[in-house]
């Protein structure tokens, strides 16, 4: 009985370790996706602003 309990505890510890590593991986992946998304958004926004500025400058020049 005592041995079974020890094994169960070991199994739970291993399970939590696996879950912890999985969650860490998931968080890392989410952070990477979010960073990529924000970078993409930033590039789109800066591109939009620069294109509108260029258009405004062209209208001023012409």
Protein backbone atom coordinates (compact mmCIF):
# COMPACT_ATOMS: atom_id res chain seq x y z
CA UNK A 1 0.00 0.00 0.00
CA UNK A 2 2.75 2.40 0.99
CA UNK A 3 4.70 1.61 -2.18
CA UNK A 4 1.62 2.25 -4.34
CA UNK A 5 1.15 5.63 -2.66
CA UNK A 6 4.80 6.52 -3.33
CA UNK A 7 4.40 5.52 -6.97
CA UNK A 8 1.23 7.61 -7.25
CA UNK A 9 3.05 10.60 -5.80
CA UNK A 10 5.92 10.08 -8.23
CA UNK A 11 3.48 9.80 -11.12
CA UNK A 12 1.70 13.00 -10.07
CA UNK A 13 5.02 14.83 -9.78
CA UNK A 14 5.99 13.63 -13.26
CA UNK A 15 2.59 14.65 -14.60
CA UNK A 16 2.88 18.13 -13.11
CA UNK A 17 6.40 18.46 -14.49
CA UNK A 18 5.18 17.47 -17.96
CA UNK A 19 2.22 19.85 -17.70
CA UNK A 20 4.52 22.62 -16.50
CA UNK A 21 6.82 22.14 -19.47
CA UNK A 22 3.83 22.00 -21.79
CA UNK A 23 2.36 25.20 -20.35
CA UNK A 24 5.75 26.90 -20.61
CA UNK A 25 5.96 25.86 -24.25
CA UNK A 26 2.41 27.06 -24.86
CA UNK A 27 3.12 30.43 -23.21
CA UNK A 28 6.30 30.80 -25.25
CA UNK A 29 4.38 30.03 -28.42
CA UNK A 30 1.61 32.49 -27.52
CA UNK A 31 4.15 35.20 -26.75
CA UNK A 32 5.90 34.55 -30.06
CA UNK A 33 2.62 34.71 -32.00
CA UNK A 34 1.56 37.87 -30.16
CA UNK A 35 4.94 39.51 -30.79
CA UNK A 36 4.76 38.57 -34.45
CA UNK A 37 1.21 39.89 -34.68
CA UNK A 38 2.12 43.17 -32.98
CA UNK A 39 5.20 43.57 -35.18
CA UNK A 40 3.05 42.91 -38.23
CA UNK A 41 0.45 45.42 -37.05
CA UNK A 42 3.19 47.95 -36.39
CA UNK A 43 4.60 47.50 -39.89
CA UNK A 44 1.14 47.82 -41.44
CA UNK A 45 0.40 50.94 -39.41
CA UNK A 46 3.76 52.56 -40.16
CA UNK A 47 3.33 51.68 -43.83
CA UNK A 48 -0.15 53.20 -43.77
CA UNK A 49 1.07 56.37 -42.10
CA UNK A 50 4.04 56.76 -44.43
CA UNK A 51 1.84 56.18 -47.49
CA UNK A 52 -0.69 58.78 -46.30
CA UNK A 53 2.16 61.20 -45.56
CA UNK A 54 3.60 60.61 -49.02
CA UNK A 55 0.20 61.22 -50.55
CA UNK A 56 -0.19 64.44 -48.57
CA UNK A 57 3.30 65.55 -49.59
CA UNK A 58 2.54 64.82 -53.24
CA UNK A 59 -0.63 66.90 -53.10
CA UNK A 60 1.29 69.72 -51.45
CA UNK A 61 4.10 69.53 -54.03
CA UNK A 62 1.80 69.27 -57.03
